[in-house]
Every structure is written in structure tokens, then in C-alpha cells.
N, C-alpha and C. Protein backbone atom coordinates (compact mmCIF):
# COMPACT_ATOMS: atom_id res chain seq x y z
N UNK A 1 -72.06 98.71 -53.01
CA UNK A 1 -72.98 97.61 -53.00
C UNK A 1 -73.00 96.26 -54.09
N UNK A 2 -72.62 95.05 -53.84
CA UNK A 2 -72.52 93.74 -54.49
C UNK A 2 -72.79 94.03 -55.64
N UNK A 3 -72.69 92.99 -56.60
CA UNK A 3 -73.31 93.13 -57.72
C UNK A 3 -74.43 92.41 -58.10
N UNK A 4 -74.35 91.10 -56.49
CA UNK A 4 -75.62 90.06 -56.91
C UNK A 4 -76.94 91.26 -55.70
N UNK A 5 -76.36 92.02 -54.73
CA UNK A 5 -77.81 92.44 -54.29
C UNK A 5 -78.08 93.88 -55.60
N UNK A 6 -77.71 94.10 -56.29
CA UNK A 6 -78.03 95.11 -57.50
C UNK A 6 -79.06 94.13 -58.42
N UNK A 7 -79.29 92.65 -58.59
CA UNK A 7 -79.22 91.46 -59.85
C UNK A 7 -80.06 91.60 -58.93
N UNK A 8 -80.61 91.73 -57.50
CA UNK A 8 -82.01 91.16 -57.09
C UNK A 8 -82.83 92.35 -57.46
N UNK A 9 -83.14 92.77 -58.19
CA UNK A 9 -83.43 93.73 -58.41
C UNK A 9 -83.75 93.91 -60.05
N UNK A 10 -83.87 93.09 -60.67
CA UNK A 10 -83.62 92.80 -61.62
C UNK A 10 -84.93 91.66 -62.04
N UNK A 11 -85.91 91.78 -62.78
CA UNK A 11 -86.78 90.46 -62.93
C UNK A 11 -86.20 89.77 -63.57
N UNK A 12 -86.95 88.27 -63.30
CA UNK A 12 -86.23 87.17 -63.43
C UNK A 12 -85.78 86.65 -64.53
N UNK A 13 -87.56 86.98 -65.32
CA UNK A 13 -87.23 86.56 -66.93
C UNK A 13 -85.92 87.30 -67.62
N UNK A 14 -85.59 88.64 -67.18
CA UNK A 14 -84.50 89.65 -67.51
C UNK A 14 -83.45 88.93 -67.40
N UNK A 15 -82.86 88.58 -66.12
CA UNK A 15 -81.75 87.04 -65.32
C UNK A 15 -81.31 86.13 -66.35
N UNK A 16 -82.73 85.09 -66.53
CA UNK A 16 -82.10 84.62 -67.33
C UNK A 16 -82.05 84.76 -68.68
N UNK A 17 -82.31 85.47 -69.36
CA UNK A 17 -82.41 85.95 -70.85
C UNK A 17 -81.19 86.33 -71.06
N UNK A 18 -80.46 87.12 -69.96
CA UNK A 18 -78.62 87.47 -69.97
C UNK A 18 -78.13 86.15 -69.68
N UNK A 19 -78.59 85.93 -68.21
CA UNK A 19 -77.78 84.15 -68.00
C UNK A 19 -77.87 83.34 -69.56
N UNK A 20 -78.91 83.27 -70.37
CA UNK A 20 -78.73 82.22 -71.15
C UNK A 20 -78.03 82.59 -72.51
N UNK A 21 -78.07 84.25 -72.90
CA UNK A 21 -76.88 85.08 -73.48
C UNK A 21 -75.40 85.25 -73.83
N UNK A 22 -75.66 84.89 -72.34
CA UNK A 22 -73.75 85.04 -72.09
C UNK A 22 -73.44 83.91 -71.67
N UNK A 23 -73.74 82.75 -71.06
CA UNK A 23 -73.38 81.47 -70.88
C UNK A 23 -73.64 80.27 -72.53
N UNK A 24 -74.88 80.57 -72.66
CA UNK A 24 -75.35 79.56 -73.93
C UNK A 24 -75.17 78.57 -74.17
N UNK A 25 -73.90 77.73 -74.83
CA UNK A 25 -74.02 75.98 -74.78
C UNK A 25 -73.75 75.75 -73.56
N UNK A 26 -72.93 76.65 -72.76
CA UNK A 26 -72.45 75.57 -70.75
C UNK A 26 -73.56 75.23 -70.67
N UNK A 27 -74.85 76.08 -71.08
CA UNK A 27 -75.85 75.68 -70.26
C UNK A 27 -76.78 74.29 -70.74
N UNK A 28 -76.43 74.28 -72.50
CA UNK A 28 -77.17 73.01 -73.30
C UNK A 28 -76.19 72.15 -73.81
N UNK A 29 -75.32 71.57 -73.60
CA UNK A 29 -74.27 70.56 -73.48
C UNK A 29 -74.44 69.60 -72.72
N UNK A 30 -73.47 68.82 -73.00
CA UNK A 30 -73.44 67.48 -71.88
C UNK A 30 -73.12 67.79 -71.31
N UNK A 31 -74.30 67.21 -69.78
CA UNK A 31 -74.70 67.99 -68.32
C UNK A 31 -73.37 67.85 -67.97
N UNK A 32 -72.90 66.23 -67.45
CA UNK A 32 -71.35 66.14 -66.33
C UNK A 32 -70.26 67.16 -66.75
N UNK A 33 -70.14 67.45 -68.15
CA UNK A 33 -68.93 68.28 -68.75
C UNK A 33 -68.63 69.66 -68.60
N UNK A 34 -70.17 69.94 -69.33
CA UNK A 34 -70.65 71.18 -68.29
C UNK A 34 -70.56 71.86 -67.82
N UNK A 35 -71.06 70.97 -66.62
CA UNK A 35 -70.96 71.53 -65.55
C UNK A 35 -69.55 71.76 -64.65
N UNK A 36 -68.71 70.77 -65.15
CA UNK A 36 -67.65 70.80 -64.73
C UNK A 36 -66.79 72.06 -64.85
N UNK A 37 -67.10 72.19 -66.59
CA UNK A 37 -66.74 73.63 -66.91
C UNK A 37 -67.71 75.34 -66.19
N UNK A 38 -68.68 75.26 -65.52
CA UNK A 38 -69.16 76.09 -65.26
C UNK A 38 -69.07 75.98 -62.84
N UNK A 39 -68.20 74.95 -63.06
CA UNK A 39 -67.56 74.64 -61.67
C UNK A 39 -66.37 75.68 -61.92
N UNK A 40 -65.77 75.00 -62.83
CA UNK A 40 -64.27 75.43 -62.64
C UNK A 40 -64.46 77.00 -62.91
N UNK A 41 -65.15 77.70 -63.75
CA UNK A 41 -65.04 79.39 -64.66
C UNK A 41 -65.59 80.39 -63.09
N UNK A 42 -66.50 79.06 -62.26
CA UNK A 42 -66.67 79.88 -61.15
C UNK A 42 -65.97 80.65 -60.80
N UNK A 43 -65.12 79.22 -59.87
CA UNK A 43 -64.15 79.37 -59.05
C UNK A 43 -62.39 80.26 -60.00
N UNK A 44 -62.79 80.16 -60.80
CA UNK A 44 -61.61 80.68 -61.95
C UNK A 44 -61.75 81.83 -61.21
N UNK A 45 -63.32 82.56 -61.44
CA UNK A 45 -63.38 83.83 -61.59
C UNK A 45 -63.38 85.00 -59.99
N UNK A 46 -63.86 83.34 -59.46
CA UNK A 46 -63.15 84.07 -57.69
C UNK A 46 -62.10 84.24 -57.16
N UNK A 47 -61.50 83.45 -57.96
CA UNK A 47 -60.12 83.56 -57.02
C UNK A 47 -59.38 84.67 -57.88
N UNK A 48 -60.05 85.41 -58.85
CA UNK A 48 -59.61 86.79 -59.45
C UNK A 48 -58.46 86.36 -60.93
N UNK A 49 -59.17 85.26 -61.30
CA UNK A 49 -58.37 84.70 -62.38
C UNK A 49 -56.71 83.83 -62.33
N UNK A 50 -56.31 83.89 -60.88
CA UNK A 50 -55.49 83.50 -60.33
C UNK A 50 -55.45 81.82 -61.30
N UNK A 51 -54.63 81.37 -61.94
CA UNK A 51 -54.81 79.47 -62.89
C UNK A 51 -54.74 78.88 -61.50
N UNK A 52 -53.10 79.17 -60.46
CA UNK A 52 -52.72 78.25 -59.60
C UNK A 52 -53.93 78.01 -58.54
N UNK A 53 -54.32 79.12 -57.69
CA UNK A 53 -55.50 79.20 -56.78
C UNK A 53 -56.45 78.48 -57.59
N UNK A 54 -57.09 78.50 -58.33
CA UNK A 54 -58.40 77.96 -59.14
C UNK A 54 -57.82 76.47 -59.19
N UNK A 55 -56.42 75.95 -59.42
CA UNK A 55 -56.37 74.45 -59.37
C UNK A 55 -56.55 73.90 -58.19
N UNK A 56 -56.25 74.76 -57.19
CA UNK A 56 -55.71 74.56 -56.02
C UNK A 56 -57.25 73.54 -54.75
N UNK A 57 -57.79 74.76 -55.54
CA UNK A 57 -59.73 74.51 -54.53
C UNK A 57 -59.87 73.17 -55.25
N UNK A 58 -60.30 73.30 -56.31
CA UNK A 58 -61.23 71.75 -56.60
C UNK A 58 -59.75 70.61 -56.87
N UNK A 59 -58.77 71.07 -56.27
CA UNK A 59 -57.39 69.80 -56.57
C UNK A 59 -57.17 69.72 -58.04
N UNK A 60 -57.26 70.07 -59.16
CA UNK A 60 -57.07 70.14 -60.52
C UNK A 60 -55.44 70.49 -60.71
N UNK A 61 -54.68 69.73 -61.84
CA UNK A 61 -53.10 70.53 -62.46
C UNK A 61 -53.59 71.86 -63.12
N UNK A 62 -52.79 72.61 -63.41
CA UNK A 62 -53.03 73.74 -63.61
C UNK A 62 -53.73 73.06 -65.20
N UNK A 63 -52.67 72.72 -65.81
CA UNK A 63 -52.83 72.50 -67.30
C UNK A 63 -54.61 72.12 -67.15
N UNK A 64 -55.37 71.28 -66.69
CA UNK A 64 -56.73 71.06 -66.78
C UNK A 64 -57.87 72.31 -66.05
N UNK A 65 -56.95 73.69 -65.85
CA UNK A 65 -57.73 74.41 -65.93
C UNK A 65 -57.36 75.51 -66.62
N UNK A 66 -56.57 75.74 -67.38
CA UNK A 66 -56.25 76.07 -68.69
C UNK A 66 -57.23 75.60 -69.67
N UNK A 67 -57.28 74.72 -69.79
CA UNK A 67 -58.55 73.56 -71.12
C UNK A 67 -59.59 73.94 -71.00
N UNK A 68 -59.87 73.89 -69.29
CA UNK A 68 -61.63 74.20 -69.24
C UNK A 68 -61.82 75.65 -69.69
N UNK A 69 -60.61 76.65 -69.00
CA UNK A 69 -60.99 77.92 -69.52
C UNK A 69 -61.00 78.17 -71.11
N UNK A 70 -60.11 77.79 -71.63
CA UNK A 70 -60.51 77.25 -73.25
C UNK A 70 -61.23 77.14 -73.75
N UNK A 71 -62.11 76.30 -73.42
CA UNK A 71 -63.63 75.42 -73.77
C UNK A 71 -64.54 76.43 -73.34
N UNK A 72 -64.35 77.61 -71.90
CA UNK A 72 -65.45 78.28 -71.67
C UNK A 72 -65.30 79.40 -72.66
N UNK A 73 -63.47 79.67 -73.35
CA UNK A 73 -64.11 80.55 -73.79
C UNK A 73 -64.53 80.33 -75.04
N UNK A 74 -64.27 79.56 -76.14
CA UNK A 74 -64.56 78.90 -77.30
C UNK A 74 -66.60 78.77 -77.41
N UNK A 75 -67.23 78.42 -75.98
CA UNK A 75 -68.49 78.16 -76.15
C UNK A 75 -68.97 79.91 -75.71
N UNK A 76 -68.71 80.28 -74.93
CA UNK A 76 -69.18 82.01 -74.65
C UNK A 76 -68.34 82.54 -76.13
N UNK A 77 -67.80 82.61 -76.38
CA UNK A 77 -66.34 83.57 -77.34
C UNK A 77 -66.40 84.98 -76.92
N UNK A 78 -66.34 84.72 -75.12
CA UNK A 78 -65.47 85.48 -74.13
C UNK A 78 -64.00 85.20 -74.36
N UNK A 79 -63.52 86.25 -74.03
CA UNK A 79 -62.06 86.68 -73.89
C UNK A 79 -61.75 86.64 -72.31
N UNK A 80 -61.02 85.51 -71.71
CA UNK A 80 -60.71 85.75 -70.02
C UNK A 80 -60.10 86.65 -69.80
N UNK A 81 -59.16 86.98 -70.97
CA UNK A 81 -57.74 87.98 -70.14
C UNK A 81 -58.62 89.46 -70.14
N UNK A 82 -59.76 89.72 -70.70
CA UNK A 82 -60.41 90.82 -70.72
C UNK A 82 -61.38 91.14 -69.18
N UNK A 83 -60.88 92.68 -68.98
CA UNK A 83 -62.31 92.21 -67.08
C UNK A 83 -63.74 92.73 -68.03
N UNK A 84 -63.67 93.37 -69.10
CA UNK A 84 -64.95 93.14 -69.35
C UNK A 84 -65.84 92.20 -69.43
N UNK A 85 -65.26 91.05 -69.90
CA UNK A 85 -65.48 89.69 -70.39
C UNK A 85 -65.36 88.56 -69.24
N UNK A 86 -64.78 88.88 -68.39
CA UNK A 86 -65.32 88.65 -67.46
C UNK A 86 -65.87 89.08 -66.22
N UNK A 87 -66.22 89.98 -66.34
CA UNK A 87 -67.33 90.91 -66.13
C UNK A 87 -69.40 90.06 -65.93
N UNK A 88 -68.87 89.78 -67.20
CA UNK A 88 -70.29 89.12 -67.56
C UNK A 88 -70.72 88.07 -67.67
N UNK A 89 -69.31 87.67 -67.90
CA UNK A 89 -69.45 85.96 -67.30
C UNK A 89 -69.87 85.63 -65.49
N UNK A 90 -69.30 86.31 -64.84
CA UNK A 90 -69.12 86.81 -62.85
C UNK A 90 -71.38 87.02 -63.16
N UNK A 91 -71.18 88.13 -64.16
CA UNK A 91 -73.21 88.36 -63.91
C UNK A 91 -73.64 87.30 -63.75
N UNK A 92 -73.42 86.48 -65.03
CA UNK A 92 -73.77 85.69 -65.74
C UNK A 92 -74.44 84.84 -65.18
N UNK A 93 -73.19 84.24 -63.93
CA UNK A 93 -72.80 83.04 -63.12
C UNK A 93 -74.26 83.48 -61.72
N UNK A 94 -73.90 84.96 -61.59
CA UNK A 94 -74.96 85.44 -60.28
C UNK A 94 -76.83 85.61 -60.51
N UNK A 95 -76.89 85.73 -61.94
CA UNK A 95 -78.07 85.37 -62.60
C UNK A 95 -78.84 84.13 -62.15
N UNK A 96 -77.84 82.79 -62.17
CA UNK A 96 -78.70 81.67 -61.78
C UNK A 96 -79.75 81.38 -60.51
């Protein structure tokens, strides 16, 4: 069963609390900058952490992807090299 399907059974207020806990400042900062970080994060996770494939999708330079993921790590306190942290972020994105 897919994670998204599992989350549909979770009450909306629980999903929202989890999303806010994990993504925190990415949801409250300057709108355009944070939207770019969230979009790049979603692409990065969908590309299974591949820097090159993440850069190809929205036509970014790989250095831009690295910079944005460093910002995501800074704001969320998550280490994108750890699977458990990636899963936390992915689940939080699915809670939208």
C-alpha cells in the first residue's frame, strides 16, 4: 500500500499538525522563496535524491539544487542524506 493511501485514513488535524511540525518555517517564510524550496524538495524526493535528475526536471543548475536542499535542511533540521529524514519530509509533503 502506498504512503499517500495510508495517510487518507489519518484525521485532517493530525495531518496538518504533522506537516507543520516537519516543514515548519518552509510554510511560514517569504512565499515565493519557500514555494521554490518546497517544489525543489518535492522533485528531489521524487527523483530519489538524485541531484542531476532533480536539476533536469525544472531546468536548474545542480549547484542551485544543492543550495536549495541546504536551505531545506537548515529550516527543517532534517538531514537529507538520512532515509528516515527523507521519509519524514515526504510524508509531510503528502499531508498537504
